[in-house]
Every structure is written in C-alpha cells, then in structure tokens.
Amino acid sequence: MKYISISILSVSIFIFGCDHLRKHFSSDTDNKIMLKKDTLNVVTMKDTMVIYEGVCRGCAYENSTHFEIEDTTGIVVLHDVITTGNSPANTDGGSIDKDLIIVPKKTGTTTIKIYKFSREIPEAKDSLNFSQYKIEVKK
C-alpha cells in the first residue's frame, strides 16, 4: 500500500511538473529568437530577438558593464537588458547572465553590431569588443 501511494504521488508530480514546464517554456505568444552570428537570422515583426551574454560575478566591472547596438538602417532596436544571477549571494565567482532583448521596428535587412562596454564611460579600446549579426525582418 505504501509503494502504491508513493508511486501515485510520484506520477502526479511528474505529470504536473512536465505540464508546468511546457506552459512555461513554450507559449503561442512567446516568439523569442536567439540570434546567431554565423548566419542570416530571419525573423518577423512579431518576434523578439535575444542575445545571451555574461559578465563575471565579483569582477571590478560587474556593475558597470553595459551594451549598445549600432544599426545604421534603424530596423531593430535594443529594447531591454535583463540581468539574472543564478548563484547565491555568498558565493565567490561565477557569472551573471545578461539577456539582450532586441525588437524590430520595420521590415528589411540589416547588419547590427552589439558593443559590450566594461566601463561606465567607454574608452577607445572598448569599441573593439563587439559582435556582428545579420538580420532580415519580414512582415
């Protein structure tokens, strides 16, 4: 009897957990596209583009790191930078996640540069630290 109760409880938790994860990670309205550097990223006007970056935790520039986007055609814009730290506060080292949220403003094809600045006031050498992405926005 004890094993049957544990089995039913385990199956219930498994079914609920899988359903919860499916709802959390795949939504009909959630059109997030992770941008890739080595290919043409094709998105629609309804999509949200994401670039995953990281900053070392506990570094001198942990709180001063910021990002800027250069899109000379004005097709996309950096909408938000979401910061999350998954390590406990009393842990030394690790990293802090920076999710760059990019949204399209109009259709077209562009090549963007994402600059990662380590200081509040960028220096000339900071302009060398960038990533380049090709994006085509369709209706």
N, C-alpha and C. Protein backbone atom coordinates (compact mmCIF):
# COMPACT_ATOMS: atom_id res chain seq x y z
N MET A 1 0.82 -1.19 0.00
CA MET A 1 0.00 0.00 0.00
C MET A 1 0.87 1.26 0.00
N LYS A 2 1.93 1.18 0.77
CA LYS A 2 2.84 2.32 0.87
C LYS A 2 3.49 2.61 -0.49
N TYR A 3 3.89 1.55 -1.21
CA TYR A 3 4.53 1.73 -2.51
C TYR A 3 3.55 2.26 -3.55
N ILE A 4 2.30 1.85 -3.46
CA ILE A 4 1.29 2.35 -4.40
C ILE A 4 1.06 3.84 -4.17
N SER A 5 0.99 4.26 -2.93
CA SER A 5 0.80 5.69 -2.62
C SER A 5 1.98 6.52 -3.12
N ILE A 6 3.19 6.03 -2.89
CA ILE A 6 4.38 6.74 -3.34
C ILE A 6 4.41 6.79 -4.86
N SER A 7 4.03 5.69 -5.52
CA SER A 7 4.02 5.65 -6.99
C SER A 7 3.01 6.64 -7.56
N ILE A 8 1.83 6.69 -6.98
CA ILE A 8 0.80 7.62 -7.45
C ILE A 8 1.25 9.06 -7.23
N LEU A 9 1.84 9.32 -6.10
CA LEU A 9 2.34 10.67 -5.80
C LEU A 9 3.46 11.06 -6.77
N SER A 10 4.37 10.14 -7.04
CA SER A 10 5.48 10.41 -7.97
C SER A 10 4.97 10.68 -9.38
N VAL A 11 4.04 9.88 -9.85
CA VAL A 11 3.48 10.07 -11.19
C VAL A 11 2.74 11.41 -11.27
N SER A 12 2.01 11.75 -10.23
CA SER A 12 1.28 13.03 -10.20
C SER A 12 2.25 14.20 -10.28
N ILE A 13 3.30 14.15 -9.51
CA ILE A 13 4.30 15.22 -9.53
C ILE A 13 4.97 15.30 -10.90
N PHE A 14 5.28 14.17 -11.49
CA PHE A 14 5.92 14.14 -12.80
C PHE A 14 5.00 14.77 -13.86
N ILE A 15 3.73 14.39 -13.86
CA ILE A 15 2.78 14.92 -14.85
C ILE A 15 2.59 16.41 -14.65
N PHE A 16 2.41 16.86 -13.41
CA PHE A 16 2.25 18.28 -13.14
C PHE A 16 3.50 19.06 -13.53
N GLY A 17 4.67 18.53 -13.19
CA GLY A 17 5.93 19.20 -13.50
C GLY A 17 6.14 19.35 -14.99
N CYS A 18 5.87 18.30 -15.75
CA CYS A 18 6.05 18.38 -17.20
C CYS A 18 5.07 19.38 -17.81
N ASP A 19 3.83 19.37 -17.36
CA ASP A 19 2.84 20.31 -17.87
C ASP A 19 3.22 21.74 -17.52
N HIS A 20 3.70 21.96 -16.31
CA HIS A 20 4.12 23.29 -15.89
C HIS A 20 5.30 23.78 -16.73
N LEU A 21 6.29 22.92 -16.98
CA LEU A 21 7.45 23.30 -17.79
C LEU A 21 7.04 23.59 -19.23
N ARG A 22 6.13 22.79 -19.78
CA ARG A 22 5.68 23.01 -21.16
C ARG A 22 5.01 24.37 -21.28
N LYS A 23 4.16 24.72 -20.33
CA LYS A 23 3.49 26.02 -20.36
C LYS A 23 4.48 27.15 -20.16
N HIS A 24 5.49 26.93 -19.31
CA HIS A 24 6.45 27.98 -19.01
C HIS A 24 7.38 28.27 -20.19
N PHE A 25 7.83 27.23 -20.90
CA PHE A 25 8.82 27.42 -21.93
C PHE A 25 8.27 27.51 -23.34
N SER A 26 7.03 27.15 -23.58
CA SER A 26 6.51 27.24 -24.95
C SER A 26 5.11 27.84 -24.92
N SER A 27 5.07 29.09 -25.27
CA SER A 27 3.81 29.82 -25.31
C SER A 27 3.54 30.22 -26.75
N ASP A 28 2.26 30.27 -27.14
CA ASP A 28 1.91 30.66 -28.50
C ASP A 28 2.27 32.10 -28.79
N THR A 29 2.27 32.95 -27.77
CA THR A 29 2.56 34.36 -27.96
C THR A 29 4.03 34.69 -27.74
N ASP A 30 4.81 33.74 -27.30
CA ASP A 30 6.22 33.96 -26.99
C ASP A 30 7.07 33.57 -28.19
N ASN A 31 7.43 34.55 -29.03
CA ASN A 31 8.23 34.28 -30.22
C ASN A 31 9.63 34.82 -30.03
N LYS A 32 10.41 34.20 -29.17
CA LYS A 32 11.78 34.63 -28.93
C LYS A 32 12.71 33.85 -29.84
N ILE A 33 13.55 34.60 -30.56
CA ILE A 33 14.51 34.02 -31.48
C ILE A 33 15.91 34.33 -30.97
N MET A 34 16.72 33.30 -30.74
CA MET A 34 18.10 33.51 -30.32
C MET A 34 18.92 33.80 -31.57
N LEU A 35 19.56 34.97 -31.59
CA LEU A 35 20.35 35.36 -32.75
C LEU A 35 21.66 34.59 -32.81
N LYS A 36 22.07 34.23 -34.03
CA LYS A 36 23.32 33.52 -34.26
C LYS A 36 24.22 34.40 -35.11
N LYS A 37 25.51 34.36 -34.82
CA LYS A 37 26.48 35.22 -35.51
C LYS A 37 26.80 34.73 -36.92
N ASP A 38 26.78 33.45 -37.16
CA ASP A 38 27.31 32.88 -38.40
C ASP A 38 26.29 32.67 -39.51
N THR A 39 25.09 33.26 -39.40
CA THR A 39 24.05 33.02 -40.39
C THR A 39 23.13 34.23 -40.49
N LEU A 40 22.30 34.25 -41.52
CA LEU A 40 21.29 35.28 -41.65
C LEU A 40 20.12 34.89 -40.75
N ASN A 41 19.79 35.72 -39.79
CA ASN A 41 18.70 35.46 -38.87
C ASN A 41 17.42 36.04 -39.46
N VAL A 42 16.46 35.18 -39.83
CA VAL A 42 15.21 35.62 -40.42
C VAL A 42 14.14 35.62 -39.33
N VAL A 43 13.53 36.80 -39.12
CA VAL A 43 12.51 36.97 -38.09
C VAL A 43 11.32 37.71 -38.69
N THR A 44 10.23 37.77 -37.93
CA THR A 44 9.06 38.53 -38.35
C THR A 44 8.88 39.72 -37.41
N MET A 45 7.96 40.59 -37.75
CA MET A 45 7.70 41.78 -36.94
C MET A 45 7.18 41.41 -35.54
N LYS A 46 6.60 40.22 -35.39
CA LYS A 46 6.05 39.78 -34.10
C LYS A 46 7.10 39.14 -33.20
N ASP A 47 8.26 38.84 -33.75
CA ASP A 47 9.30 38.13 -32.99
C ASP A 47 10.09 39.08 -32.09
N THR A 48 10.61 38.51 -31.02
CA THR A 48 11.55 39.19 -30.15
C THR A 48 12.88 38.46 -30.27
N MET A 49 13.94 39.20 -30.52
CA MET A 49 15.26 38.60 -30.67
C MET A 49 16.01 38.69 -29.35
N VAL A 50 16.80 37.66 -29.04
CA VAL A 50 17.54 37.59 -27.79
C VAL A 50 19.00 37.24 -28.08
N ILE A 51 19.90 37.95 -27.41
CA ILE A 51 21.32 37.60 -27.43
C ILE A 51 21.72 37.36 -25.98
N TYR A 52 22.30 36.21 -25.71
CA TYR A 52 22.71 35.85 -24.36
C TYR A 52 24.17 36.22 -24.16
N GLU A 53 24.43 37.05 -23.17
CA GLU A 53 25.78 37.47 -22.81
C GLU A 53 26.00 37.14 -21.34
N GLY A 54 27.23 37.32 -20.88
CA GLY A 54 27.55 37.07 -19.48
C GLY A 54 28.61 38.01 -18.99
N VAL A 55 28.60 38.23 -17.69
CA VAL A 55 29.59 39.08 -17.02
C VAL A 55 30.09 38.30 -15.81
N CYS A 56 31.39 38.36 -15.57
CA CYS A 56 31.91 37.63 -14.42
C CYS A 56 31.40 38.26 -13.12
N ARG A 57 31.04 37.40 -12.21
CA ARG A 57 30.50 37.83 -10.92
C ARG A 57 31.64 38.19 -9.98
N GLY A 58 31.55 39.35 -9.37
CA GLY A 58 32.57 39.79 -8.44
C GLY A 58 33.71 40.53 -9.09
N CYS A 59 33.67 40.73 -10.41
CA CYS A 59 34.72 41.47 -11.10
C CYS A 59 34.58 42.96 -10.82
N ALA A 60 35.64 43.69 -11.11
CA ALA A 60 35.62 45.14 -10.91
C ALA A 60 34.60 45.81 -11.81
N TYR A 61 34.30 45.23 -12.96
CA TYR A 61 33.37 45.84 -13.90
C TYR A 61 32.00 45.15 -13.93
N GLU A 62 31.68 44.39 -12.89
CA GLU A 62 30.40 43.67 -12.84
C GLU A 62 29.20 44.62 -12.98
N ASN A 63 29.19 45.72 -12.25
CA ASN A 63 28.04 46.62 -12.25
C ASN A 63 28.11 47.69 -13.34
N SER A 64 29.27 47.87 -13.96
CA SER A 64 29.40 48.92 -14.96
C SER A 64 29.24 48.41 -16.39
N THR A 65 29.17 47.11 -16.61
CA THR A 65 29.04 46.57 -17.96
C THR A 65 27.69 46.95 -18.55
N HIS A 66 27.74 47.50 -19.75
CA HIS A 66 26.51 47.83 -20.45
C HIS A 66 26.69 47.60 -21.95
N PHE A 67 25.60 47.60 -22.68
CA PHE A 67 25.60 47.24 -24.09
C PHE A 67 24.95 48.34 -24.91
N GLU A 68 25.45 48.48 -26.14
CA GLU A 68 24.84 49.40 -27.09
C GLU A 68 24.75 48.70 -28.43
N ILE A 69 23.73 49.06 -29.19
CA ILE A 69 23.50 48.47 -30.50
C ILE A 69 23.75 49.53 -31.57
N GLU A 70 24.36 49.12 -32.66
CA GLU A 70 24.55 50.01 -33.80
C GLU A 70 23.84 49.40 -34.99
N ASP A 71 22.76 50.06 -35.41
CA ASP A 71 22.01 49.65 -36.59
C ASP A 71 21.78 50.90 -37.42
N THR A 72 22.60 51.07 -38.45
CA THR A 72 22.54 52.30 -39.24
C THR A 72 21.26 52.40 -40.07
N THR A 73 20.58 51.27 -40.30
CA THR A 73 19.34 51.30 -41.07
C THR A 73 18.11 51.53 -40.20
N GLY A 74 18.24 51.41 -38.90
CA GLY A 74 17.12 51.65 -37.99
C GLY A 74 16.04 50.59 -38.03
N ILE A 75 16.40 49.36 -38.38
CA ILE A 75 15.41 48.29 -38.47
C ILE A 75 15.11 47.66 -37.12
N VAL A 76 16.12 47.54 -36.26
CA VAL A 76 15.93 46.94 -34.94
C VAL A 76 16.45 47.89 -33.87
N VAL A 77 16.00 47.67 -32.63
CA VAL A 77 16.42 48.49 -31.51
C VAL A 77 16.62 47.61 -30.28
N LEU A 78 17.61 47.96 -29.46
CA LEU A 78 17.83 47.26 -28.19
C LEU A 78 16.76 47.74 -27.22
N HIS A 79 15.84 46.84 -26.88
CA HIS A 79 14.69 47.19 -26.05
C HIS A 79 15.00 47.13 -24.56
N ASP A 80 15.74 46.09 -24.14
CA ASP A 80 15.98 45.89 -22.72
C ASP A 80 17.17 44.96 -22.52
N VAL A 81 17.79 45.05 -21.36
CA VAL A 81 18.83 44.11 -20.94
C VAL A 81 18.36 43.53 -19.61
N ILE A 82 18.09 42.24 -19.60
CA ILE A 82 17.61 41.56 -18.40
C ILE A 82 18.79 40.88 -17.72
N THR A 83 19.03 41.24 -16.47
CA THR A 83 20.15 40.72 -15.71
C THR A 83 19.65 39.69 -14.70
N THR A 84 20.27 38.52 -14.70
CA THR A 84 19.94 37.49 -13.71
C THR A 84 21.23 36.85 -13.20
N GLY A 85 21.26 36.66 -11.90
CA GLY A 85 22.37 35.96 -11.27
C GLY A 85 21.84 34.70 -10.62
N ASN A 86 22.33 33.56 -11.04
CA ASN A 86 21.82 32.29 -10.52
C ASN A 86 22.60 31.75 -9.34
N SER A 87 23.68 32.42 -8.99
CA SER A 87 24.48 31.96 -7.86
C SER A 87 24.00 32.61 -6.57
N PRO A 88 24.10 31.93 -5.46
CA PRO A 88 23.74 32.54 -4.18
C PRO A 88 24.62 33.74 -3.87
N ALA A 89 24.13 34.68 -3.10
CA ALA A 89 24.83 35.92 -2.82
C ALA A 89 26.17 35.69 -2.10
N ASN A 90 26.28 34.66 -1.33
CA ASN A 90 27.50 34.42 -0.57
C ASN A 90 28.53 33.56 -1.33
N THR A 91 28.33 33.36 -2.63
CA THR A 91 29.23 32.55 -3.44
C THR A 91 30.23 33.45 -4.16
N ASP A 92 31.51 33.08 -4.12
CA ASP A 92 32.52 33.82 -4.86
C ASP A 92 32.59 33.30 -6.29
N GLY A 93 32.82 34.21 -7.23
CA GLY A 93 32.97 33.83 -8.62
C GLY A 93 31.66 33.51 -9.30
N GLY A 94 31.76 32.90 -10.47
CA GLY A 94 30.58 32.58 -11.25
C GLY A 94 30.31 33.66 -12.28
N SER A 95 29.10 33.69 -12.78
CA SER A 95 28.78 34.68 -13.79
C SER A 95 27.36 35.20 -13.60
N ILE A 96 27.12 36.34 -14.20
CA ILE A 96 25.81 36.96 -14.20
C ILE A 96 25.33 36.98 -15.65
N ASP A 97 24.11 36.51 -15.89
CA ASP A 97 23.56 36.47 -17.24
C ASP A 97 23.00 37.82 -17.63
N LYS A 98 23.27 38.21 -18.86
CA LYS A 98 22.72 39.44 -19.44
C LYS A 98 22.00 39.03 -20.72
N ASP A 99 20.68 39.12 -20.72
CA ASP A 99 19.88 38.79 -21.90
C ASP A 99 19.52 40.09 -22.61
N LEU A 100 20.03 40.27 -23.82
CA LEU A 100 19.75 41.46 -24.60
C LEU A 100 18.49 41.23 -25.42
N ILE A 101 17.47 42.03 -25.19
CA ILE A 101 16.19 41.90 -25.87
C ILE A 101 16.15 42.93 -27.00
N ILE A 102 16.01 42.45 -28.23
CA ILE A 102 16.02 43.30 -29.41
C ILE A 102 14.68 43.13 -30.12
N VAL A 103 14.07 44.25 -30.50
CA VAL A 103 12.77 44.21 -31.18
C VAL A 103 12.88 44.90 -32.54
N PRO A 104 12.13 44.40 -33.53
CA PRO A 104 12.15 45.03 -34.85
C PRO A 104 11.24 46.27 -34.87
N LYS A 105 11.65 47.28 -35.65
CA LYS A 105 10.85 48.48 -35.83
C LYS A 105 10.20 48.53 -37.20
N LYS A 106 10.88 47.93 -38.19
CA LYS A 106 10.35 47.89 -39.55
C LYS A 106 10.98 46.72 -40.30
N THR A 107 10.45 46.40 -41.46
CA THR A 107 10.96 45.28 -42.25
C THR A 107 12.21 45.70 -43.02
N GLY A 108 13.01 44.70 -43.38
CA GLY A 108 14.23 44.95 -44.15
C GLY A 108 15.35 44.05 -43.70
N THR A 109 16.53 44.28 -44.27
CA THR A 109 17.72 43.50 -43.94
C THR A 109 18.79 44.44 -43.40
N THR A 110 19.45 44.02 -42.35
CA THR A 110 20.46 44.86 -41.72
C THR A 110 21.56 44.01 -41.13
N THR A 111 22.68 44.64 -40.86
CA THR A 111 23.76 44.04 -40.09
C THR A 111 23.98 44.93 -38.88
N ILE A 112 23.83 44.35 -37.70
CA ILE A 112 23.98 45.14 -36.48
C ILE A 112 25.27 44.77 -35.76
N LYS A 113 25.73 45.70 -34.97
CA LYS A 113 26.87 45.46 -34.08
C LYS A 113 26.38 45.68 -32.66
N ILE A 114 26.71 44.74 -31.78
CA ILE A 114 26.42 44.86 -30.36
C ILE A 114 27.76 45.12 -29.66
N TYR A 115 27.87 46.28 -29.03
CA TYR A 115 29.08 46.64 -28.30
C TYR A 115 28.89 46.31 -26.82
N LYS A 116 29.90 45.71 -26.23
CA LYS A 116 29.90 45.39 -24.81
C LYS A 116 30.95 46.27 -24.14
N PHE A 117 30.48 47.22 -23.34
CA PHE A 117 31.37 48.15 -22.66
C PHE A 117 31.54 47.72 -21.21
N SER A 118 32.78 47.67 -20.76
CA SER A 118 33.06 47.25 -19.39
C SER A 118 33.04 48.41 -18.40
N ARG A 119 33.13 49.61 -18.89
CA ARG A 119 33.18 50.79 -18.01
C ARG A 119 31.98 51.68 -18.27
N GLU A 120 31.62 52.50 -17.28
CA GLU A 120 30.52 53.45 -17.46
C GLU A 120 30.84 54.43 -18.58
N ILE A 121 32.06 54.94 -18.59
CA ILE A 121 32.49 55.85 -19.65
C ILE A 121 33.42 55.05 -20.56
N PRO A 122 32.95 54.68 -21.77
CA PRO A 122 33.74 53.84 -22.66
C PRO A 122 35.03 54.51 -23.10
N GLU A 123 36.06 53.69 -23.28
CA GLU A 123 37.34 54.14 -23.80
C GLU A 123 37.48 53.63 -25.23
N ALA A 124 38.47 54.12 -25.94
CA ALA A 124 38.68 53.73 -27.34
C ALA A 124 38.83 52.22 -27.49
N LYS A 125 39.53 51.58 -26.57
CA LYS A 125 39.74 50.13 -26.70
C LYS A 125 38.44 49.34 -26.53
N ASP A 126 37.44 49.93 -25.86
CA ASP A 126 36.15 49.24 -25.71
C ASP A 126 35.43 49.07 -27.04
N SER A 127 35.68 49.96 -28.00
CA SER A 127 34.98 49.88 -29.28
C SER A 127 35.42 48.67 -30.10
N LEU A 128 36.47 48.00 -29.70
CA LEU A 128 36.93 46.80 -30.40
C LEU A 128 36.16 45.55 -29.97
N ASN A 129 35.44 45.64 -28.87
CA ASN A 129 34.72 44.49 -28.33
C ASN A 129 33.26 44.53 -28.79
N PHE A 130 32.99 43.91 -29.97
CA PHE A 130 31.62 43.87 -30.47
C PHE A 130 31.35 42.55 -31.16
N SER A 131 30.06 42.27 -31.33
CA SER A 131 29.60 41.09 -32.06
C SER A 131 28.73 41.59 -33.20
N GLN A 132 28.76 40.87 -34.32
CA GLN A 132 28.02 41.30 -35.50
C GLN A 132 26.98 40.25 -35.86
N TYR A 133 25.77 40.70 -36.20
CA TYR A 133 24.66 39.81 -36.54
C TYR A 133 23.96 40.33 -37.80
N LYS A 134 23.61 39.42 -38.69
CA LYS A 134 22.83 39.76 -39.89
C LYS A 134 21.38 39.37 -39.62
N ILE A 135 20.47 40.32 -39.86
CA ILE A 135 19.07 40.10 -39.55
C ILE A 135 18.21 40.51 -40.73
N GLU A 136 17.24 39.66 -41.08
CA GLU A 136 16.22 40.01 -42.06
C GLU A 136 14.87 39.97 -41.35
N VAL A 137 14.19 41.11 -41.36
CA VAL A 137 12.88 41.21 -40.72
C VAL A 137 11.82 41.17 -41.82
N LYS A 138 10.94 40.18 -41.72
CA LYS A 138 9.83 40.04 -42.68
C LYS A 138 8.53 40.40 -41.99
N LYS A 139 7.53 40.67 -42.79
CA LYS A 139 6.23 41.01 -42.25
C LYS A 139 5.62 39.81 -41.60
